């Protein structure tokens, strides 16, 4: 998985995507997501590193089967709140 961390005035923003979808665009009706290098590009890491960074995140943005599944398993995202965009799961979370 690829992780990108950014410090914002609202806290740590973490974007995570599956490696194989970086650079792809997915559409489902009026909904579209581009997994671009600017937002999702970062360091390729293992599952334990993703778990650690999601635990610190104030905001999480995840796309891809592996990334979203891990966020669900770790309790950051509810499965019922995951969007399916052209067969690719996408989820976000915000901690307040």
C-alpha atoms as a PDB file:
ATOM      1  CA  UNK A   1       0.000   0.000   0.000  1.00  0.00           C
ATOM      2  CA  UNK A   2       1.073   3.575  -0.544  1.00  0.00           C
ATOM      3  CA  UNK A   3       0.757   6.126   2.266  1.00  0.00           C
ATOM      4  CA  UNK A   4       0.968   9.895   2.121  1.00  0.00           C
ATOM      5  CA  UNK A   5       0.914  11.920   5.353  1.00  0.00           C
ATOM      6  CA  UNK A   6       0.345  15.673   5.556  1.00  0.00           C
ATOM      7  CA  UNK A   7       0.145  17.846   8.620  1.00  0.00           C
ATOM      8  CA  UNK A   8      -2.782  20.289   8.354  1.00  0.00           C
ATOM      9  CA  UNK A   9      -4.219  22.891  10.731  1.00  0.00           C
ATOM     10  CA  UNK A  10      -6.907  20.287  11.573  1.00  0.00           C
ATOM     11  CA  UNK A  11      -4.429  17.460  12.271  1.00  0.00           C
ATOM     12  CA  UNK A  12      -2.768  14.649  10.368  1.00  0.00           C
ATOM     13  CA  UNK A  13      -4.305  13.884   6.961  1.00  0.00           C
ATOM     14  CA  UNK A  14      -3.449  10.382   5.734  1.00  0.00           C
ATOM     15  CA  UNK A  15      -4.190   9.073   2.259  1.00  0.00           C
ATOM     16  CA  UNK A  16      -3.750   5.370   1.524  1.00  0.00           C
ATOM     17  CA  UNK A  17      -4.187   3.513  -1.733  1.00  0.00           C
ATOM     18  CA  UNK A  18      -3.462   0.095  -3.136  1.00  0.00           C
ATOM     19  CA  UNK A  19      -0.278   0.204  -5.203  1.00  0.00           C
ATOM     20  CA  UNK A  20      -1.874  -1.210  -8.351  1.00  0.00           C
ATOM     21  CA  UNK A  21      -4.466   1.576  -8.711  1.00  0.00           C
ATOM     22  CA  UNK A  22      -2.195   4.621  -8.363  1.00  0.00           C
ATOM     23  CA  UNK A  23      -2.736   6.784 -11.441  1.00  0.00           C
ATOM     24  CA  UNK A  24      -6.129   5.248 -12.296  1.00  0.00           C
ATOM     25  CA  UNK A  25      -9.530   6.949 -12.560  1.00  0.00           C
ATOM     26  CA  UNK A  26     -12.763   5.222 -11.566  1.00  0.00           C
ATOM     27  CA  UNK A  27     -16.301   6.394 -12.340  1.00  0.00           C
ATOM     28  CA  UNK A  28     -19.777   5.347 -11.290  1.00  0.00           C
ATOM     29  CA  UNK A  29     -22.493   7.616 -12.654  1.00  0.00           C
ATOM     30  CA  UNK A  30     -21.874  11.122 -11.342  1.00  0.00           C
ATOM     31  CA  UNK A  31     -19.176   9.939  -8.913  1.00  0.00           C
ATOM     32  CA  UNK A  32     -15.556   9.875 -10.026  1.00  0.00           C
ATOM     33  CA  UNK A  33     -12.239   9.418  -8.244  1.00  0.00           C
ATOM     34  CA  UNK A  34      -8.743   9.814  -9.647  1.00  0.00           C
ATOM     35  CA  UNK A  35      -6.063   8.117  -7.583  1.00  0.00           C
ATOM     36  CA  UNK A  36      -3.445  10.693  -8.525  1.00  0.00           C
ATOM     37  CA  UNK A  37       0.201  10.843  -7.544  1.00  0.00           C
ATOM     38  CA  UNK A  38      -0.156  14.339  -6.064  1.00  0.00           C
ATOM     39  CA  UNK A  39      -2.627  13.268  -3.375  1.00  0.00           C
ATOM     40  CA  UNK A  40      -2.058   9.525  -2.956  1.00  0.00           C
ATOM     41  CA  UNK A  41       1.596   9.220  -3.953  1.00  0.00           C
ATOM     42  CA  UNK A  42       4.010   8.597  -1.128  1.00  0.00           C
ATOM     43  CA  UNK A  43       5.878   5.800   0.509  1.00  0.00           C
ATOM     44  CA  UNK A  44       5.126   2.147  -0.175  1.00  0.00           C
ATOM     45  CA  UNK A  45       4.759   0.479   3.217  1.00  0.00           C
ATOM     46  CA  UNK A  46       3.621  -2.775   4.781  1.00  0.00           C
ATOM     47  CA  UNK A  47       0.369  -3.421   6.603  1.00  0.00           C
ATOM     48  CA  UNK A  48       1.741  -2.695  10.075  1.00  0.00           C
ATOM     49  CA  UNK A  49       2.973   0.737   8.980  1.00  0.00           C
ATOM     50  CA  UNK A  50      -0.454   1.539   7.534  1.00  0.00           C
ATOM     51  CA  UNK A  51      -2.091   0.448  10.788  1.00  0.00           C
ATOM     52  CA  UNK A  52       0.219   2.747  12.769  1.00  0.00           C
ATOM     53  CA  UNK A  53      -0.344   5.783  10.570  1.00  0.00           C
ATOM     54  CA  UNK A  54      -4.136   5.318  10.500  1.00  0.00           C
ATOM     55  CA  UNK A  55      -4.135   5.155  14.308  1.00  0.00           C
ATOM     56  CA  UNK A  56      -2.520   8.637  14.386  1.00  0.00           C
ATOM     57  CA  UNK A  57      -4.661  10.171  11.634  1.00  0.00           C
ATOM     58  CA  UNK A  58      -7.234  12.886  12.201  1.00  0.00           C
ATOM     59  CA  UNK A  59      -8.503  12.474   8.648  1.00  0.00           C
ATOM     60  CA  UNK A  60      -8.190   9.380   6.485  1.00  0.00           C
ATOM     61  CA  UNK A  61      -8.834   8.968   2.776  1.00  0.00           C
ATOM     62  CA  UNK A  62      -8.575   5.398   1.490  1.00  0.00           C
ATOM     63  CA  UNK A  63      -9.048   3.765  -1.882  1.00  0.00           C
ATOM     64  CA  UNK A  64      -8.592   0.189  -2.988  1.00  0.00           C
ATOM     65  CA  UNK A  65      -9.609  -3.234  -1.704  1.00  0.00           C
ATOM     66  CA  UNK A  66      -6.587  -3.835   0.530  1.00  0.00           C
ATOM     67  CA  UNK A  67      -6.452  -0.303   1.969  1.00  0.00           C
ATOM     68  CA  UNK A  68     -10.167  -0.047   2.772  1.00  0.00           C
ATOM     69  CA  UNK A  69     -10.355  -3.616   4.131  1.00  0.00           C
ATOM     70  CA  UNK A  70      -7.522  -2.873   6.545  1.00  0.00           C
ATOM     71  CA  UNK A  71      -9.249   0.323   7.727  1.00  0.00           C
ATOM     72  CA  UNK A  72     -12.436  -1.658   8.354  1.00  0.00           C
ATOM     73  CA  UNK A  73     -10.567  -4.398  10.226  1.00  0.00           C
ATOM     74  CA  UNK A  74      -8.873  -1.795  12.428  1.00  0.00           C
ATOM     75  CA  UNK A  75     -12.178  -0.063  13.231  1.00  0.00           C
ATOM     76  CA  UNK A  76     -11.473   3.236  11.452  1.00  0.00           C
ATOM     77  CA  UNK A  77     -14.259   2.775   8.889  1.00  0.00           C
ATOM     78  CA  UNK A  78     -17.687   1.107   9.007  1.00  0.00           C
ATOM     79  CA  UNK A  79     -18.245  -1.273   6.079  1.00  0.00           C
ATOM     80  CA  UNK A  80     -21.706   0.238   5.530  1.00  0.00           C
ATOM     81  CA  UNK A  81     -20.090   3.631   4.817  1.00  0.00           C
ATOM     82  CA  UNK A  82     -17.777   2.439   2.042  1.00  0.00           C
ATOM     83  CA  UNK A  83     -18.519   3.695  -1.462  1.00  0.00           C
ATOM     84  CA  UNK A  84     -18.144   1.411  -4.459  1.00  0.00           C
ATOM     85  CA  UNK A  85     -16.822   3.381  -7.413  1.00  0.00           C
ATOM     86  CA  UNK A  86     -16.604   1.191 -10.492  1.00  0.00           C
ATOM     87  CA  UNK A  87     -15.880  -1.835  -8.331  1.00  0.00           C
ATOM     88  CA  UNK A  88     -13.201  -0.069  -6.260  1.00  0.00           C
ATOM     89  CA  UNK A  89     -13.899   0.656  -2.568  1.00  0.00           C
ATOM     90  CA  UNK A  90     -13.387   4.209  -1.296  1.00  0.00           C
ATOM     91  CA  UNK A  91     -13.759   5.443   2.275  1.00  0.00           C
ATOM     92  CA  UNK A  92     -13.011   8.481   4.377  1.00  0.00           C
ATOM     93  CA  UNK A  93     -12.986   9.133   8.085  1.00  0.00           C
ATOM     94  CA  UNK A  94     -12.687  12.126  10.366  1.00  0.00           C
ATOM     95  CA  UNK A  95     -11.812  12.017  14.055  1.00  0.00           C
ATOM     96  CA  UNK A  96     -12.960  14.890  16.185  1.00  0.00           C
END
